[in-house]
N, C-alpha and C. Protein backbone atom coordinates (compact mmCIF):
# COMPACT_ATOMS: atom_id res chain seq x y z
N MET A 1 0.85 -1.17 0.00
CA MET A 1 0.00 0.00 0.00
C MET A 1 0.90 1.24 0.00
N THR A 2 0.74 2.10 -1.00
CA THR A 2 1.55 3.31 -1.06
C THR A 2 0.66 4.53 -0.84
N HIS A 3 1.25 5.56 -0.27
CA HIS A 3 0.54 6.81 -0.02
C HIS A 3 1.28 7.92 -0.73
N PRO A 4 0.55 8.84 -1.32
CA PRO A 4 1.22 9.99 -1.93
C PRO A 4 1.86 10.86 -0.85
N ASP A 5 2.82 11.65 -1.25
CA ASP A 5 3.49 12.54 -0.32
C ASP A 5 2.59 13.72 0.03
N VAL A 6 2.84 14.28 1.19
CA VAL A 6 2.13 15.47 1.66
C VAL A 6 2.90 16.69 1.15
N GLN A 7 2.18 17.62 0.54
CA GLN A 7 2.81 18.83 -0.01
C GLN A 7 2.04 20.06 0.45
N ILE A 8 2.77 21.18 0.58
CA ILE A 8 2.15 22.47 0.89
C ILE A 8 2.37 23.41 -0.29
N GLU A 9 1.29 24.03 -0.74
CA GLU A 9 1.36 24.97 -1.86
C GLU A 9 0.73 26.29 -1.42
N THR A 10 1.19 27.39 -1.98
CA THR A 10 0.56 28.68 -1.70
C THR A 10 -0.39 29.03 -2.85
N LEU A 11 -1.48 29.68 -2.50
CA LEU A 11 -2.49 30.09 -3.47
C LEU A 11 -2.82 31.56 -3.25
N ARG A 12 -3.36 32.19 -4.26
CA ARG A 12 -3.88 33.55 -4.16
C ARG A 12 -5.36 33.50 -4.50
N GLN A 13 -6.20 33.95 -3.57
CA GLN A 13 -7.63 34.02 -3.82
C GLN A 13 -8.15 35.35 -3.29
N HIS A 14 -8.80 36.11 -4.14
CA HIS A 14 -9.38 37.40 -3.74
C HIS A 14 -8.34 38.30 -3.07
N GLY A 15 -7.11 38.25 -3.57
CA GLY A 15 -6.05 39.10 -3.05
C GLY A 15 -5.42 38.62 -1.75
N ARG A 16 -5.84 37.47 -1.26
CA ARG A 16 -5.27 36.93 -0.02
C ARG A 16 -4.42 35.71 -0.32
N GLN A 17 -3.37 35.54 0.47
CA GLN A 17 -2.52 34.35 0.32
C GLN A 17 -3.09 33.25 1.21
N LEU A 18 -3.23 32.06 0.63
CA LEU A 18 -3.71 30.88 1.35
C LEU A 18 -2.68 29.77 1.21
N TRP A 19 -2.76 28.80 2.09
CA TRP A 19 -1.85 27.65 2.05
C TRP A 19 -2.69 26.40 1.90
N GLN A 20 -2.30 25.57 0.94
CA GLN A 20 -3.04 24.35 0.66
C GLN A 20 -2.17 23.14 0.94
N VAL A 21 -2.68 22.24 1.76
CA VAL A 21 -2.00 20.98 2.05
C VAL A 21 -2.60 19.94 1.12
N ARG A 22 -1.74 19.32 0.30
CA ARG A 22 -2.19 18.35 -0.68
C ARG A 22 -1.60 16.97 -0.39
N MET A 23 -2.44 15.97 -0.64
CA MET A 23 -2.00 14.58 -0.60
C MET A 23 -2.73 13.89 -1.75
N GLY A 24 -2.02 13.70 -2.84
CA GLY A 24 -2.67 13.14 -4.02
C GLY A 24 -3.68 14.12 -4.57
N ARG A 25 -4.90 13.65 -4.79
CA ARG A 25 -5.96 14.51 -5.31
C ARG A 25 -6.69 15.29 -4.23
N ARG A 26 -6.45 14.95 -2.98
CA ARG A 26 -7.15 15.59 -1.87
C ARG A 26 -6.38 16.80 -1.37
N ALA A 27 -7.12 17.81 -0.91
CA ALA A 27 -6.47 19.03 -0.44
C ALA A 27 -7.34 19.73 0.59
N LEU A 28 -6.67 20.39 1.52
CA LEU A 28 -7.32 21.29 2.49
C LEU A 28 -6.63 22.63 2.39
N THR A 29 -7.40 23.70 2.48
CA THR A 29 -6.85 25.05 2.37
C THR A 29 -6.95 25.76 3.71
N PHE A 30 -5.88 26.44 4.08
CA PHE A 30 -5.81 27.15 5.37
C PHE A 30 -5.52 28.62 5.13
N HIS A 31 -6.03 29.45 6.03
CA HIS A 31 -5.77 30.89 5.97
C HIS A 31 -4.44 31.25 6.60
N GLU A 32 -3.95 30.40 7.51
CA GLU A 32 -2.71 30.67 8.23
C GLU A 32 -1.66 29.62 7.88
N GLU A 33 -0.45 30.08 7.63
CA GLU A 33 0.64 29.17 7.26
C GLU A 33 0.94 28.19 8.38
N LEU A 34 0.96 28.66 9.62
CA LEU A 34 1.27 27.77 10.75
C LEU A 34 0.25 26.63 10.85
N SER A 35 -1.01 26.94 10.64
CA SER A 35 -2.04 25.89 10.67
C SER A 35 -1.80 24.86 9.59
N ALA A 36 -1.46 25.32 8.39
CA ALA A 36 -1.20 24.40 7.28
C ALA A 36 0.02 23.53 7.59
N ARG A 37 1.07 24.14 8.09
CA ARG A 37 2.29 23.38 8.39
C ARG A 37 2.07 22.38 9.53
N THR A 38 1.31 22.76 10.53
CA THR A 38 1.00 21.86 11.64
C THR A 38 0.19 20.67 11.16
N PHE A 39 -0.84 20.94 10.36
CA PHE A 39 -1.66 19.86 9.82
C PHE A 39 -0.83 18.94 8.93
N ALA A 40 0.00 19.51 8.07
CA ALA A 40 0.83 18.71 7.17
C ALA A 40 1.78 17.81 7.97
N ALA A 41 2.37 18.35 9.02
CA ALA A 41 3.28 17.55 9.85
C ALA A 41 2.54 16.41 10.53
N GLN A 42 1.35 16.67 11.06
CA GLN A 42 0.58 15.61 11.69
C GLN A 42 0.16 14.55 10.68
N LEU A 43 -0.25 14.98 9.50
CA LEU A 43 -0.63 14.05 8.45
C LEU A 43 0.56 13.19 8.02
N HIS A 44 1.71 13.82 7.87
CA HIS A 44 2.92 13.10 7.50
C HIS A 44 3.26 12.03 8.55
N MET A 45 3.16 12.40 9.83
CA MET A 45 3.45 11.44 10.91
C MET A 45 2.45 10.27 10.88
N ARG A 46 1.19 10.58 10.65
CA ARG A 46 0.17 9.54 10.61
C ARG A 46 0.41 8.59 9.43
N LEU A 47 0.75 9.14 8.28
CA LEU A 47 1.03 8.30 7.12
C LEU A 47 2.25 7.41 7.35
N SER A 48 3.27 7.96 8.01
CA SER A 48 4.46 7.16 8.33
C SER A 48 4.09 6.00 9.25
N TRP A 49 3.25 6.29 10.24
CA TRP A 49 2.81 5.25 11.17
C TRP A 49 2.03 4.17 10.43
N LEU A 50 1.13 4.59 9.53
CA LEU A 50 0.34 3.62 8.76
C LEU A 50 1.24 2.75 7.88
N ARG A 51 2.26 3.35 7.28
CA ARG A 51 3.21 2.57 6.46
C ARG A 51 3.94 1.54 7.30
N GLN A 52 4.37 1.95 8.49
CA GLN A 52 5.07 1.02 9.39
C GLN A 52 4.15 -0.12 9.80
N GLN A 53 2.89 0.19 10.10
CA GLN A 53 1.93 -0.84 10.48
C GLN A 53 1.71 -1.83 9.34
N ALA A 54 1.59 -1.31 8.14
CA ALA A 54 1.39 -2.19 6.97
C ALA A 54 2.60 -3.08 6.75
N MET A 55 3.80 -2.52 6.89
CA MET A 55 5.00 -3.33 6.72
C MET A 55 5.08 -4.40 7.79
N GLN A 56 4.73 -4.07 9.03
CA GLN A 56 4.77 -5.05 10.12
C GLN A 56 3.76 -6.16 9.87
N GLU A 57 2.59 -5.81 9.40
CA GLU A 57 1.57 -6.83 9.10
C GLU A 57 2.06 -7.76 8.00
N ASN A 58 2.74 -7.22 7.00
CA ASN A 58 3.28 -8.06 5.92
C ASN A 58 4.35 -9.01 6.44
N LEU A 59 5.14 -8.56 7.40
CA LEU A 59 6.18 -9.41 7.97
C LEU A 59 5.58 -10.51 8.85
N ASP A 60 4.46 -10.18 9.51
CA ASP A 60 3.83 -11.14 10.42
C ASP A 60 3.06 -12.23 9.69
N THR A 61 2.74 -12.02 8.42
CA THR A 61 1.95 -13.04 7.70
C THR A 61 2.82 -13.96 6.89
């Protein structure tokens, strides 16, 4: 099972800068950079944990 990487992109909407956290086709947009970076870091950690769990399950079977 593979997961796409987590990416942060900046956007301009109605003259305001926004930050978008993307993972594959899915995305969430934040008004504050710190919120986007915090969410991206948590998502990255969760995906790493899920990858480790999947690898462990493969080794156990």
